[in-house]
Amino acid sequence: MTPRLQLNRRQALMAGATGLAGSMLPSFSREALAQGAGMEYVFLSVVTQVPFWRDHRDGLDAAAQSLGVKTTFTGPLDFDTAGQARQLDELIVRRPAGILIFPGDVGALEPGIARATEAGIPVAMIIGDAPSSGRMLHLGISNFEAGKEGGKMLAEAVGGKGKVLLGTFPAPAVLERVEGYKAYFAENAPEIEVVDVINDKADPSYAPTAYAQAILANPDIVGIGGTDGDSGKGAAIAVTEAGRAGEIKIVGMDRNDDMLPYIEDGTLVGAIAQKSFAEAFLAVHLLHWLNTDGMRVLPDWKSAAVNPLPEQVVTGVMKITPENVSQFRHA
């Protein structure tokens, strides 16, 4: 059978799916692709109002089309970790086929993740992890290493010396990026001093004010390193209003559409982007293959008391620069 005939057969099974994922799958997983009707995979996040989640939503949509399943994105609009924990309990009652979670507060979610697992609902952690919770797998960047990549970009932009600010918000995964920045400076650019770490709340309406106040308090800074999706634009607005665009070097995080123009015009020297689409797309596929025996690692992995999935999928980062920024614009 030719590869083209194999692809056509998979397209028929997926009832109008893209075929891209199916063309890469071994034959035993075709049954999994045909079993998607009625299955729902839910992504539970936090601060869901921000543009950062666009790629995760796109990845969910693509996975739904590829597998013939339903995908849903939900979570508190702001950094309401208690609200996220309550929503997890509500999801367990609904019993979806699988849950993807970006954790605002791992400690608040671990009991719920354990209850989901006990109820037979597989859980995939996205970006932030809860390894002792019973989750099936974790997908995302190494936040520490992502911070080091941002630190390298900022250090090169400021010439390896001077005072800088770091921007973040208090989610554990994001705070790890702050530590990555600091580690890179300590190891490779000891003449860079981090004079303050700003909580911009990952809030696009608040972040410019947070950075404006920090610049007033630290007028001799030469750079700002952002570790969340709204830090880049927030810092760009603040330095522009202060009349210091181009003078204070800024490195952003992620690929928010409203930030990219600031890379194009040079206000930001660049950004470190997560592979968010891949995180959501792969997580749904892996959980679905688990649910439908699409990955037959063992005859019965449950009775064997093992986890057949890869427990860690490190997705890496992409560097956005003025030279490639046009490729990162969403259609």
C-alpha atoms as a PDB file:
ATOM      1  CA  MET A   1       0.000   0.000   0.000  1.00  0.00           C
ATOM      2  CA  THR A   2       1.456   3.369  -0.945  1.00  0.00           C
ATOM      3  CA  PRO A   3       1.937   6.154   1.628  1.00  0.00           C
ATOM      4  CA  ARG A   4      -0.668   8.222  -0.256  1.00  0.00           C
ATOM      5  CA  LEU A   5      -3.287   5.465   0.076  1.00  0.00           C
ATOM      6  CA  GLN A   6      -2.471   5.132   3.760  1.00  0.00           C
ATOM      7  CA  LEU A   7      -3.005   8.846   4.250  1.00  0.00           C
ATOM      8  CA  ASN A   8      -6.328   8.783   2.419  1.00  0.00           C
ATOM      9  CA  ARG A   9      -7.577   5.948   4.589  1.00  0.00           C
ATOM     10  CA  ARG A  10      -6.670   7.828   7.753  1.00  0.00           C
ATOM     11  CA  GLN A  11      -8.413  10.923   6.486  1.00  0.00           C
ATOM     12  CA  ALA A  12     -11.563   8.889   5.997  1.00  0.00           C
ATOM     13  CA  LEU A  13     -11.332   7.520   9.532  1.00  0.00           C
ATOM     14  CA  MET A  14     -10.904  10.983  11.005  1.00  0.00           C
ATOM     15  CA  ALA A  15     -13.923  12.369   9.133  1.00  0.00           C
ATOM     16  CA  GLY A  16     -12.396  15.474   7.709  1.00  0.00           C
ATOM     17  CA  ALA A  17      -9.407  15.846  10.043  1.00  0.00           C
ATOM     18  CA  THR A  18      -6.207  17.504   8.947  1.00  0.00           C
ATOM     19  CA  GLY A  19      -4.426  14.191   8.381  1.00  0.00           C
ATOM     20  CA  LEU A  20      -1.049  15.574   9.428  1.00  0.00           C
ATOM     21  CA  ALA A  21      -0.940  13.796  12.773  1.00  0.00           C
ATOM     22  CA  GLY A  22      -2.526  10.655  11.358  1.00  0.00           C
ATOM     23  CA  SER A  23       0.066  10.359   8.593  1.00  0.00           C
ATOM     24  CA  MET A  24       2.761   9.998  11.224  1.00  0.00           C
ATOM     25  CA  LEU A  25       1.036   7.300  13.314  1.00  0.00           C
ATOM     26  CA  PRO A  26       1.623   3.532  13.314  1.00  0.00           C
ATOM     27  CA  SER A  27      -1.294   1.407  12.124  1.00  0.00           C
ATOM     28  CA  PHE A  28      -2.298   0.214  15.613  1.00  0.00           C
ATOM     29  CA  SER A  29      -3.264   3.793  16.578  1.00  0.00           C
ATOM     30  CA  ARG A  30      -5.904   4.102  13.844  1.00  0.00           C
ATOM     31  CA  GLU A  31      -8.403   2.531  16.217  1.00  0.00           C
ATOM     32  CA  ALA A  32      -7.704   5.295  18.729  1.00  0.00           C
ATOM     33  CA  LEU A  33      -8.385   7.912  16.088  1.00  0.00           C
ATOM     34  CA  ALA A  34     -11.721   6.278  15.299  1.00  0.00           C
ATOM     35  CA  GLN A  35     -12.853   6.201  18.940  1.00  0.00           C
ATOM     36  CA  GLY A  36     -12.929   9.922  19.636  1.00  0.00           C
ATOM     37  CA  ALA A  37     -16.665  10.571  19.359  1.00  0.00           C
ATOM     38  CA  GLY A  38     -18.032  11.740  22.692  1.00  0.00           C
ATOM     39  CA  MET A  39     -14.665  12.107  24.404  1.00  0.00           C
ATOM     40  CA  GLU A  40     -13.783  15.508  25.882  1.00  0.00           C
ATOM     41  CA  TYR A  41     -10.378  16.792  26.970  1.00  0.00           C
ATOM     42  CA  VAL A  42     -10.390  19.912  29.144  1.00  0.00           C
ATOM     43  CA  PHE A  43      -7.542  22.399  29.618  1.00  0.00           C
ATOM     44  CA  LEU A  44      -7.845  24.040  33.044  1.00  0.00           C
ATOM     45  CA  SER A  45      -5.708  27.159  33.326  1.00  0.00           C
ATOM     46  CA  VAL A  46      -5.567  30.427  35.266  1.00  0.00           C
ATOM     47  CA  VAL A  47      -5.392  34.103  34.201  1.00  0.00           C
ATOM     48  CA  THR A  48      -7.276  32.979  31.100  1.00  0.00           C
ATOM     49  CA  GLN A  49      -8.033  36.527  29.940  1.00  0.00           C
ATOM     50  CA  VAL A  50      -4.501  37.144  28.646  1.00  0.00           C
ATOM     51  CA  PRO A  51      -3.441  36.652  24.982  1.00  0.00           C
ATOM     52  CA  PHE A  52      -0.769  34.100  25.938  1.00  0.00           C
ATOM     53  CA  TRP A  53      -3.228  31.214  25.748  1.00  0.00           C
ATOM     54  CA  ARG A  54      -3.953  31.717  22.027  1.00  0.00           C
ATOM     55  CA  ASP A  55      -1.485  29.022  20.937  1.00  0.00           C
ATOM     56  CA  HIS A  56      -2.751  26.539  23.519  1.00  0.00           C
ATOM     57  CA  ARG A  57      -6.302  27.086  22.270  1.00  0.00           C
ATOM     58  CA  ASP A  58      -5.135  26.585  18.678  1.00  0.00           C
ATOM     59  CA  GLY A  59      -3.356  23.389  19.683  1.00  0.00           C
ATOM     60  CA  LEU A  60      -6.512  22.104  21.372  1.00  0.00           C
ATOM     61  CA  ASP A  61      -8.581  22.883  18.277  1.00  0.00           C
ATOM     62  CA  ALA A  62      -6.108  21.114  16.010  1.00  0.00           C
ATOM     63  CA  ALA A  63      -6.040  18.043  18.269  1.00  0.00           C
ATOM     64  CA  ALA A  64      -9.851  17.943  18.347  1.00  0.00           C
ATOM     65  CA  GLN A  65      -9.974  18.015  14.563  1.00  0.00           C
ATOM     66  CA  SER A  66      -7.218  15.432  14.243  1.00  0.00           C
ATOM     67  CA  LEU A  67      -8.732  12.941  16.692  1.00  0.00           C
ATOM     68  CA  GLY A  68     -12.447  13.627  16.364  1.00  0.00           C
ATOM     69  CA  VAL A  69     -12.750  14.572  20.045  1.00  0.00           C
ATOM     70  CA  LYS A  70     -14.062  17.632  21.886  1.00  0.00           C
ATOM     71  CA  THR A  71     -11.632  20.002  23.589  1.00  0.00           C
ATOM     72  CA  THR A  72     -12.450  22.795  26.036  1.00  0.00           C
ATOM     73  CA  PHE A  73     -10.362  25.619  27.502  1.00  0.00           C
ATOM     74  CA  THR A  74     -11.445  27.036  30.865  1.00  0.00           C
ATOM     75  CA  GLY A  75     -10.252  28.560  34.134  1.00  0.00           C
ATOM     76  CA  PRO A  76     -10.422  31.758  36.214  1.00  0.00           C
ATOM     77  CA  LEU A  77      -9.964  35.023  34.344  1.00  0.00           C
ATOM     78  CA  ASP A  78      -7.425  36.279  36.903  1.00  0.00           C
ATOM     79  CA  PHE A  79      -4.867  34.680  39.222  1.00  0.00           C
ATOM     80  CA  ASP A  80      -7.503  33.004  41.383  1.00  0.00           C
ATOM     81  CA  THR A  81      -5.789  29.831  42.561  1.00  0.00           C
ATOM     82  CA  ALA A  82      -8.609  28.884  44.955  1.00  0.00           C
ATOM     83  CA  GLY A  83     -11.070  29.281  42.091  1.00  0.00           C
ATOM     84  CA  GLN A  84      -8.937  27.048  39.893  1.00  0.00           C
ATOM     85  CA  ALA A  85      -8.935  24.341  42.569  1.00  0.00           C
ATOM     86  CA  ARG A  86     -12.744  24.566  42.814  1.00  0.00           C
ATOM     87  CA  GLN A  87     -13.076  24.252  39.053  1.00  0.00           C
ATOM     88  CA  LEU A  88     -10.918  21.139  39.119  1.00  0.00           C
ATOM     89  CA  ASP A  89     -13.328  19.540  41.586  1.00  0.00           C
ATOM     90  CA  GLU A  90     -16.227  20.484  39.296  1.00  0.00           C
ATOM     91  CA  LEU A  91     -14.440  18.903  36.332  1.00  0.00           C
ATOM     92  CA  ILE A  92     -13.936  15.657  38.227  1.00  0.00           C
ATOM     93  CA  VAL A  93     -17.704  15.432  38.715  1.00  0.00           C
ATOM     94  CA  ARG A  94     -18.154  15.915  34.940  1.00  0.00           C
ATOM     95  CA  ARG A  95     -15.656  13.095  34.268  1.00  0.00           C
ATOM     96  CA  PRO A  96     -14.036  14.231  31.031  1.00  0.00           C
ATOM     97  CA  ALA A  97     -11.748  11.801  29.213  1.00  0.00           C
ATOM     98  CA  GLY A  98      -8.705  13.764  30.360  1.00  0.00           C
ATOM     99  CA  ILE A  99      -7.628  17.020  31.979  1.00  0.00           C
ATOM    100  CA  LEU A 100      -4.728  19.299  31.051  1.00  0.00           C
ATOM    101  CA  ILE A 101      -3.661  21.707  33.809  1.00  0.00           C
ATOM    102  CA  PHE A 102      -1.507  24.812  33.976  1.00  0.00           C
ATOM    103  CA  PRO A 103      -1.198  25.170  37.769  1.00  0.00           C
ATOM    104  CA  GLY A 104      -1.478  28.534  39.455  1.00  0.00           C
ATOM    105  CA  ASP A 105      -0.690  26.959  42.838  1.00  0.00           C
ATOM    106  CA  VAL A 106       0.532  23.363  42.760  1.00  0.00           C
ATOM    107  CA  GLY A 107      -0.155  22.848  46.465  1.00  0.00           C
ATOM    108  CA  ALA A 108      -3.778  23.887  46.083  1.00  0.00           C
ATOM    109  CA  LEU A 109      -4.272  21.551  43.112  1.00  0.00           C
ATOM    110  CA  GLU A 110      -2.423  18.410  44.180  1.00  0.00           C
ATOM    111  CA  PRO A 111      -5.332  16.946  46.209  1.00  0.00           C
ATOM    112  CA  GLY A 112      -7.700  17.481  43.277  1.00  0.00           C
ATOM    113  CA  ILE A 113      -5.263  15.952  40.800  1.00  0.00           C
ATOM    114  CA  ALA A 114      -4.995  12.915  43.057  1.00  0.00           C
ATOM    115  CA  ARG A 115      -8.817  12.666  43.168  1.00  0.00           C
ATOM    116  CA  ALA A 116      -8.988  12.894  39.385  1.00  0.00           C
ATOM    117  CA  THR A 117      -6.458  10.090  39.054  1.00  0.00           C
ATOM    118  CA  GLU A 118      -8.366   7.936  41.541  1.00  0.00           C
ATOM    119  CA  ALA A 119     -11.515   8.558  39.490  1.00  0.00           C
ATOM    120  CA  GLY A 120      -9.740   7.222  36.396  1.00  0.00           C
ATOM    121  CA  ILE A 121      -9.274  10.634  34.720  1.00  0.00           C
ATOM    122  CA  PRO A 122      -5.717  10.991  33.380  1.00  0.00           C
ATOM    123  CA  VAL A 123      -4.083  14.356  33.993  1.00  0.00           C
ATOM    124  CA  ALA A 124      -1.373  16.091  31.976  1.00  0.00           C
ATOM    125  CA  MET A 125       0.461  19.024  33.541  1.00  0.00           C
ATOM    126  CA  ILE A 126       1.360  21.899  31.219  1.00  0.00           C
ATOM    127  CA  ILE A 127       4.418  24.121  31.883  1.00  0.00           C
ATOM    128  CA  GLY A 128       4.144  23.825  35.680  1.00  0.00           C
ATOM    129  CA  ASP A 129       4.403  20.347  37.187  1.00  0.00           C
ATOM    130  CA  ALA A 130       3.011  18.441  40.162  1.00  0.00           C
ATOM    131  CA  PRO A 131       5.140  15.280  40.085  1.00  0.00           C
ATOM    132  CA  SER A 132       3.910  13.859  43.392  1.00  0.00           C
ATOM    133  CA  SER A 133       0.215  14.236  42.539  1.00  0.00           C
ATOM    134  CA  GLY A 134      -0.338  11.115  40.453  1.00  0.00           C
ATOM    135  CA  ARG A 135      -0.464  13.008  37.141  1.00  0.00           C
ATOM    136  CA  MET A 136       0.361  10.951  34.041  1.00  0.00           C
ATOM    137  CA  LEU A 137       2.773  13.321  32.325  1.00  0.00           C
ATOM    138  CA  HIS A 138       4.221  16.822  32.159  1.00  0.00           C
ATOM    139  CA  LEU A 139       4.788  18.800  28.972  1.00  0.00           C
ATOM    140  CA  GLY A 140       6.568  22.103  28.709  1.00  0.00           C
ATOM    141  CA  ILE A 141       9.804  23.969  28.744  1.00  0.00           C
ATOM    142  CA  SER A 142      12.408  23.764  31.412  1.00  0.00           C
ATOM    143  CA  ASN A 143      11.450  27.055  33.005  1.00  0.00           C
ATOM    144  CA  PHE A 144      14.895  27.444  34.532  1.00  0.00           C
ATOM    145  CA  GLU A 145      16.588  26.919  31.172  1.00  0.00           C
ATOM    146  CA  ALA A 146      14.120  29.279  29.483  1.00  0.00           C
ATOM    147  CA  GLY A 147      15.129  31.922  32.007  1.00  0.00           C
ATOM    148  CA  LYS A 148      18.781  31.309  31.195  1.00  0.00           C
ATOM    149  CA  GLU A 149      18.036  31.806  27.478  1.00  0.00           C
ATOM    150  CA  GLY A 150      16.349  35.112  28.304  1.00  0.00           C
ATOM    151  CA  GLY A 151      19.301  36.069  30.471  1.00  0.00           C
ATOM    152  CA  LYS A 152      21.690  35.371  27.632  1.00  0.00           C
ATOM    153  CA  MET A 153      19.687  37.515  25.204  1.00  0.00           C
ATOM    154  CA  LEU A 154      19.473  40.392  27.681  1.00  0.00           C
ATOM    155  CA  ALA A 155      23.141  40.166  28.670  1.00  0.00           C
ATOM    156  CA  GLU A 156      24.185  40.416  25.030  1.00  0.00           C
ATOM    157  CA  ALA A 157      21.870  43.388  24.505  1.00  0.00           C
ATOM    158  CA  VAL A 158      23.258  45.399  27.458  1.00  0.00           C
ATOM    159  CA  GLY A 159      26.887  44.540  26.828  1.00  0.00           C
ATOM    160  CA  GLY A 160      27.247  42.264  29.826  1.00  0.00           C
ATOM    161  CA  LYS A 161      27.030  44.906  32.558  1.00  0.00           C
ATOM    162  CA  GLY A 162      24.656  47.265  34.325  1.00  0.00           C
ATOM    163  CA  LYS A 163      21.559  47.234  36.507  1.00  0.00           C
ATOM    164  CA  VAL A 164      18.448  45.396  35.318  1.00  0.00           C
ATOM    165  CA  LEU A 165      14.898  44.636  36.395  1.00  0.00           C
ATOM    166  CA  LEU A 166      13.157  41.281  36.069  1.00  0.00           C
ATOM    167  CA  GLY A 167       9.392  41.018  35.634  1.00  0.00           C
ATOM    168  CA  THR A 168       7.232  38.082  36.704  1.00  0.00           C
ATOM    169  CA  PHE A 169       4.131  37.003  38.613  1.00  0.00           C
ATOM    170  CA  PRO A 170       3.875  34.499  41.473  1.00  0.00           C
ATOM    171  CA  ALA A 171       3.242  31.239  39.630  1.00  0.00           C
ATOM    172  CA  PRO A 172       5.912  28.659  40.514  1.00  0.00           C
ATOM    173  CA  ALA A 173       6.790  27.868  36.893  1.00  0.00           C
ATOM    174  CA  VAL A 174       7.287  31.539  36.055  1.00  0.00           C
ATOM    175  CA  LEU A 175       9.364  32.194  39.157  1.00  0.00           C
ATOM    176  CA  GLU A 176      11.731  29.442  38.004  1.00  0.00           C
ATOM    177  CA  ARG A 177      12.490  31.587  34.944  1.00  0.00           C
ATOM    178  CA  VAL A 178      13.543  34.431  37.225  1.00  0.00           C
ATOM    179  CA  GLU A 179      16.019  32.062  38.867  1.00  0.00           C
ATOM    180  CA  GLY A 180      17.267  31.055  35.408  1.00  0.00           C
ATOM    181  CA  TYR A 181      17.964  34.699  34.556  1.00  0.00           C
ATOM    182  CA  LYS A 182      19.863  35.170  37.796  1.00  0.00           C
ATOM    183  CA  ALA A 183      21.849  31.975  37.284  1.00  0.00           C
ATOM    184  CA  TYR A 184      22.915  33.009  33.780  1.00  0.00           C
ATOM    185  CA  PHE A 185      24.072  36.407  35.006  1.00  0.00           C
ATOM    186  CA  ALA A 186      25.988  34.867  37.918  1.00  0.00           C
ATOM    187  CA  GLU A 187      27.743  32.368  35.651  1.00  0.00           C
ATOM    188  CA  ASN A 188      28.332  34.458  32.551  1.00  0.00           C
ATOM    189  CA  ALA A 189      27.774  38.160  33.232  1.00  0.00           C
ATOM    190  CA  PRO A 190      28.673  38.913  36.865  1.00  0.00           C
ATOM    191  CA  GLU A 191      28.705  42.661  36.174  1.00  0.00           C
ATOM    192  CA  ILE A 192      24.920  42.596  35.663  1.00  0.00           C
ATOM    193  CA  GLU A 193      23.025  43.390  38.851  1.00  0.00           C
ATOM    194  CA  VAL A 194      19.344  42.509  39.324  1.00  0.00           C
ATOM    195  CA  VAL A 195      18.134  45.483  41.360  1.00  0.00           C
ATOM    196  CA  ASP A 196      14.472  44.468  41.632  1.00  0.00           C
ATOM    197  CA  VAL A 197      11.977  41.767  40.663  1.00  0.00           C
ATOM    198  CA  ILE A 198       8.640  43.251  39.632  1.00  0.00           C
ATOM    199  CA  ASN A 199       5.295  41.503  40.086  1.00  0.00           C
ATOM    200  CA  ASP A 200       3.406  42.578  36.961  1.00  0.00           C
ATOM    201  CA  LYS A 201       0.577  40.149  37.835  1.00  0.00           C
ATOM    202  CA  ALA A 202       0.558  38.914  34.215  1.00  0.00           C
ATOM    203  CA  ASP A 203      -2.060  41.624  33.809  1.00  0.00           C
ATOM    204  CA  PRO A 204      -1.826  43.685  30.606  1.00  0.00           C
ATOM    205  CA  SER A 205      -3.714  46.577  32.185  1.00  0.00           C
ATOM    206  CA  TYR A 206      -1.492  46.692  35.278  1.00  0.00           C
ATOM    207  CA  ALA A 207       1.947  45.750  33.905  1.00  0.00           C
ATOM    208  CA  PRO A 208       2.801  49.148  32.308  1.00  0.00           C
ATOM    209  CA  THR A 209       2.192  50.873  35.643  1.00  0.00           C
ATOM    210  CA  ALA A 210       4.315  48.341  37.517  1.00  0.00           C
ATOM    211  CA  TYR A 211       7.264  48.881  35.177  1.00  0.00           C
ATOM    212  CA  ALA A 212       6.817  52.669  35.063  1.00  0.00           C
ATOM    213  CA  GLN A 213       7.042  52.826  38.857  1.00  0.00           C
ATOM    214  CA  ALA A 214      10.087  50.532  38.849  1.00  0.00           C
ATOM    215  CA  ILE A 215      11.865  52.711  36.281  1.00  0.00           C
ATOM    216  CA  LEU A 216      11.198  55.818  38.375  1.00  0.00           C
ATOM    217  CA  ALA A 217      12.615  54.045  41.425  1.00  0.00           C
ATOM    218  CA  ASN A 218      15.640  52.758  39.476  1.00  0.00           C
ATOM    219  CA  PRO A 219      16.468  55.388  36.839  1.00  0.00           C
ATOM    220  CA  ASP A 220      19.921  53.955  36.112  1.00  0.00           C
ATOM    221  CA  ILE A 221      18.731  50.563  34.832  1.00  0.00           C
ATOM    222  CA  VAL A 222      19.928  49.430  31.406  1.00  0.00           C
ATOM    223  CA  GLY A 223      17.606  46.476  30.843  1.00  0.00           C
ATOM    224  CA  ILE A 224      14.408  44.609  31.704  1.00  0.00           C
ATOM    225  CA  GLY A 225      13.904  40.861  31.424  1.00  0.00           C
ATOM    226  CA  GLY A 226      10.314  39.644  31.326  1.00  0.00           C
ATOM    227  CA  THR A 227       9.310  36.121  32.306  1.00  0.00           C
ATOM    228  CA  ASP A 228       5.562  36.074  31.547  1.00  0.00           C
ATOM    229  CA  GLY A 229       3.511  36.783  28.452  1.00  0.00           C
ATOM    230  CA  ASP A 230       2.511  40.315  29.461  1.00  0.00           C
ATOM    231  CA  SER A 231       5.849  41.549  30.764  1.00  0.00           C
ATOM    232  CA  GLY A 232       7.266  42.436  27.341  1.00  0.00           C
ATOM    233  CA  LYS A 233       4.472  44.742  26.210  1.00  0.00           C
ATOM    234  CA  GLY A 234       4.071  46.205  29.692  1.00  0.00           C
ATOM    235  CA  ALA A 235       7.769  47.091  29.862  1.00  0.00           C
ATOM    236  CA  ALA A 236       7.702  48.431  26.287  1.00  0.00           C
ATOM    237  CA  ILE A 237       4.865  50.831  27.085  1.00  0.00           C
ATOM    238  CA  ALA A 238       6.610  51.986  30.252  1.00  0.00           C
ATOM    239  CA  VAL A 239       9.979  52.718  28.623  1.00  0.00           C
ATOM    240  CA  THR A 240       8.287  54.446  25.683  1.00  0.00           C
ATOM    241  CA  GLU A 241       6.274  56.723  27.966  1.00  0.00           C
ATOM    242  CA  ALA A 242       9.477  57.447  29.907  1.00  0.00           C
ATOM    243  CA  GLY A 243      11.170  58.504  26.674  1.00  0.00           C
ATOM    244  CA  ARG A 244      13.760  55.732  26.985  1.00  0.00           C
ATOM    245  CA  ALA A 245      12.773  53.319  24.202  1.00  0.00           C
ATOM    246  CA  GLY A 246      15.884  51.737  22.750  1.00  0.00           C
ATOM    247  CA  GLU A 247      17.978  52.949  25.686  1.00  0.00           C
ATOM    248  CA  ILE A 248      16.575  50.421  28.159  1.00  0.00           C
ATOM    249  CA  LYS A 249      16.922  47.021  26.505  1.00  0.00           C
ATOM    250  CA  ILE A 250      13.959  44.675  26.946  1.00  0.00           C
ATOM    251  CA  VAL A 251      13.612  40.927  26.458  1.00  0.00           C
ATOM    252  CA  GLY A 252      10.050  39.605  26.515  1.00  0.00           C
ATOM    253  CA  MET A 253       8.491  36.190  26.948  1.00  0.00           C
ATOM    254  CA  ASP A 254       6.181  34.286  24.606  1.00  0.00           C
ATOM    255  CA  ARG A 255       4.635  35.360  21.298  1.00  0.00           C
ATOM    256  CA  ASN A 256       1.612  37.496  22.165  1.00  0.00           C
ATOM    257  CA  ASP A 257       0.398  39.303  19.074  1.00  0.00           C
ATOM    258  CA  ASP A 258       0.197  42.627  20.891  1.00  0.00           C
ATOM    259  CA  MET A 259       3.884  42.375  21.850  1.00  0.00           C
ATOM    260  CA  LEU A 260       5.339  41.538  18.437  1.00  0.00           C
ATOM    261  CA  PRO A 261       5.141  45.097  17.030  1.00  0.00           C
ATOM    262  CA  TYR A 262       7.532  46.205  19.774  1.00  0.00           C
ATOM    263  CA  ILE A 263      10.089  43.689  18.502  1.00  0.00           C
ATOM    264  CA  GLU A 264       9.551  44.892  14.950  1.00  0.00           C
ATOM    265  CA  ASP A 265      10.212  48.536  15.886  1.00  0.00           C
ATOM    266  CA  GLY A 266      13.181  47.736  18.144  1.00  0.00           C
ATOM    267  CA  THR A 267      11.626  48.632  21.506  1.00  0.00           C
ATOM    268  CA  LEU A 268      12.176  44.977  22.473  1.00  0.00           C
ATOM    269  CA  VAL A 269      15.377  43.265  21.396  1.00  0.00           C
ATOM    270  CA  GLY A 270      13.528  39.960  21.281  1.00  0.00           C
ATOM    271  CA  ALA A 271      11.589  37.355  23.235  1.00  0.00           C
ATOM    272  CA  ILE A 272      11.796  33.752  24.373  1.00  0.00           C
ATOM    273  CA  ALA A 273       8.728  31.816  23.216  1.00  0.00           C
ATOM    274  CA  GLN A 274       7.349  28.562  24.523  1.00  0.00           C
ATOM    275  CA  LYS A 275       6.066  25.925  22.130  1.00  0.00           C
ATOM    276  CA  SER A 276       2.554  26.291  23.481  1.00  0.00           C
ATOM    277  CA  PHE A 277       0.746  24.830  20.474  1.00  0.00           C
ATOM    278  CA  ALA A 278       2.833  21.662  20.755  1.00  0.00           C
ATOM    279  CA  GLU A 279       2.140  21.352  24.496  1.00  0.00           C
ATOM    280  CA  ALA A 280      -1.639  21.253  24.072  1.00  0.00           C
ATOM    281  CA  PHE A 281      -1.635  19.292  20.814  1.00  0.00           C
ATOM    282  CA  LEU A 282       0.670  16.556  22.095  1.00  0.00           C
ATOM    283  CA  ALA A 283      -0.986  16.329  25.523  1.00  0.00           C
ATOM    284  CA  VAL A 284      -4.419  15.616  24.033  1.00  0.00           C
ATOM    285  CA  HIS A 285      -2.961  13.012  21.677  1.00  0.00           C
ATOM    286  CA  LEU A 286      -1.041  11.241  24.429  1.00  0.00           C
ATOM    287  CA  LEU A 287      -4.016  11.130  26.802  1.00  0.00           C
ATOM    288  CA  HIS A 288      -6.275   9.946  23.993  1.00  0.00           C
ATOM    289  CA  TRP A 289      -3.907   7.179  22.970  1.00  0.00           C
ATOM    290  CA  LEU A 290      -3.778   6.143  26.629  1.00  0.00           C
ATOM    291  CA  ASN A 291      -7.580   6.051  26.847  1.00  0.00           C
ATOM    292  CA  THR A 292      -8.043   4.100  23.617  1.00  0.00           C
ATOM    293  CA  ASP A 293      -5.057   1.748  23.847  1.00  0.00           C
ATOM    294  CA  GLY A 294      -3.489   3.594  20.942  1.00  0.00           C
ATOM    295  CA  MET A 295      -0.122   3.001  22.621  1.00  0.00           C
ATOM    296  CA  ARG A 296      -0.030  -0.713  23.388  1.00  0.00           C
ATOM    297  CA  VAL A 297       3.094  -0.740  25.461  1.00  0.00           C
ATOM    298  CA  LEU A 298       1.683  -3.574  27.601  1.00  0.00           C
ATOM    299  CA  PRO A 299      -1.404  -5.778  27.307  1.00  0.00           C
ATOM    300  CA  ASP A 300      -2.840  -4.114  30.452  1.00  0.00           C
ATOM    301  CA  TRP A 301      -0.800  -1.241  31.858  1.00  0.00           C
ATOM    302  CA  LYS A 302      -3.301  -0.659  34.678  1.00  0.00           C
ATOM    303  CA  SER A 303      -2.999  -4.134  36.158  1.00  0.00           C
ATOM    304  CA  ALA A 304       0.762  -3.879  35.727  1.00  0.00           C
ATOM    305  CA  ALA A 305       0.637  -0.662  37.797  1.00  0.00           C
ATOM    306  CA  VAL A 306       2.877   1.271  35.434  1.00  0.00           C
ATOM    307  CA  ASN A 307       2.629   4.514  33.506  1.00  0.00           C
ATOM    308  CA  PRO A 308       3.126   3.779  29.789  1.00  0.00           C
ATOM    309  CA  LEU A 309       3.395   7.446  28.820  1.00  0.00           C
ATOM    310  CA  PRO A 310       6.564   9.541  28.798  1.00  0.00           C
ATOM    311  CA  GLU A 311       6.493  11.273  32.158  1.00  0.00           C
ATOM    312  CA  GLN A 312       8.366  14.343  30.929  1.00  0.00           C
ATOM    313  CA  VAL A 313       8.193  15.946  27.485  1.00  0.00           C
ATOM    314  CA  VAL A 314      10.560  18.913  27.286  1.00  0.00           C
ATOM    315  CA  THR A 315       9.317  21.064  24.425  1.00  0.00           C
ATOM    316  CA  GLY A 316      12.073  23.692  24.388  1.00  0.00           C
ATOM    317  CA  VAL A 317      11.904  27.354  23.370  1.00  0.00           C
ATOM    318  CA  MET A 318      11.955  29.474  20.235  1.00  0.00           C
ATOM    319  CA  LYS A 319      13.851  32.770  20.026  1.00  0.00           C
ATOM    320  CA  ILE A 320      11.937  35.667  18.479  1.00  0.00           C
ATOM    321  CA  THR A 321      14.100  38.364  16.930  1.00  0.00           C
ATOM    322  CA  PRO A 322      13.524  41.289  14.547  1.00  0.00           C
ATOM    323  CA  GLU A 323      14.726  38.999  11.757  1.00  0.00           C
ATOM    324  CA  ASN A 324      12.094  36.278  12.249  1.00  0.00           C
ATOM    325  CA  VAL A 325       9.277  38.082  14.095  1.00  0.00           C
ATOM    326  CA  SER A 326       6.975  38.123  11.048  1.00  0.00           C
ATOM    327  CA  GLN A 327       6.785  34.322  11.206  1.00  0.00           C
ATOM    328  CA  PHE A 328       5.244  34.485  14.673  1.00  0.00           C
ATOM    329  CA  ARG A 329       2.218  36.578  13.786  1.00  0.00           C
ATOM    330  CA  HIS A 330      -1.037  34.639  14.002  1.00  0.00           C
ATOM    331  CA  ALA A 331      -3.185  34.529  10.898  1.00  0.00           C
END
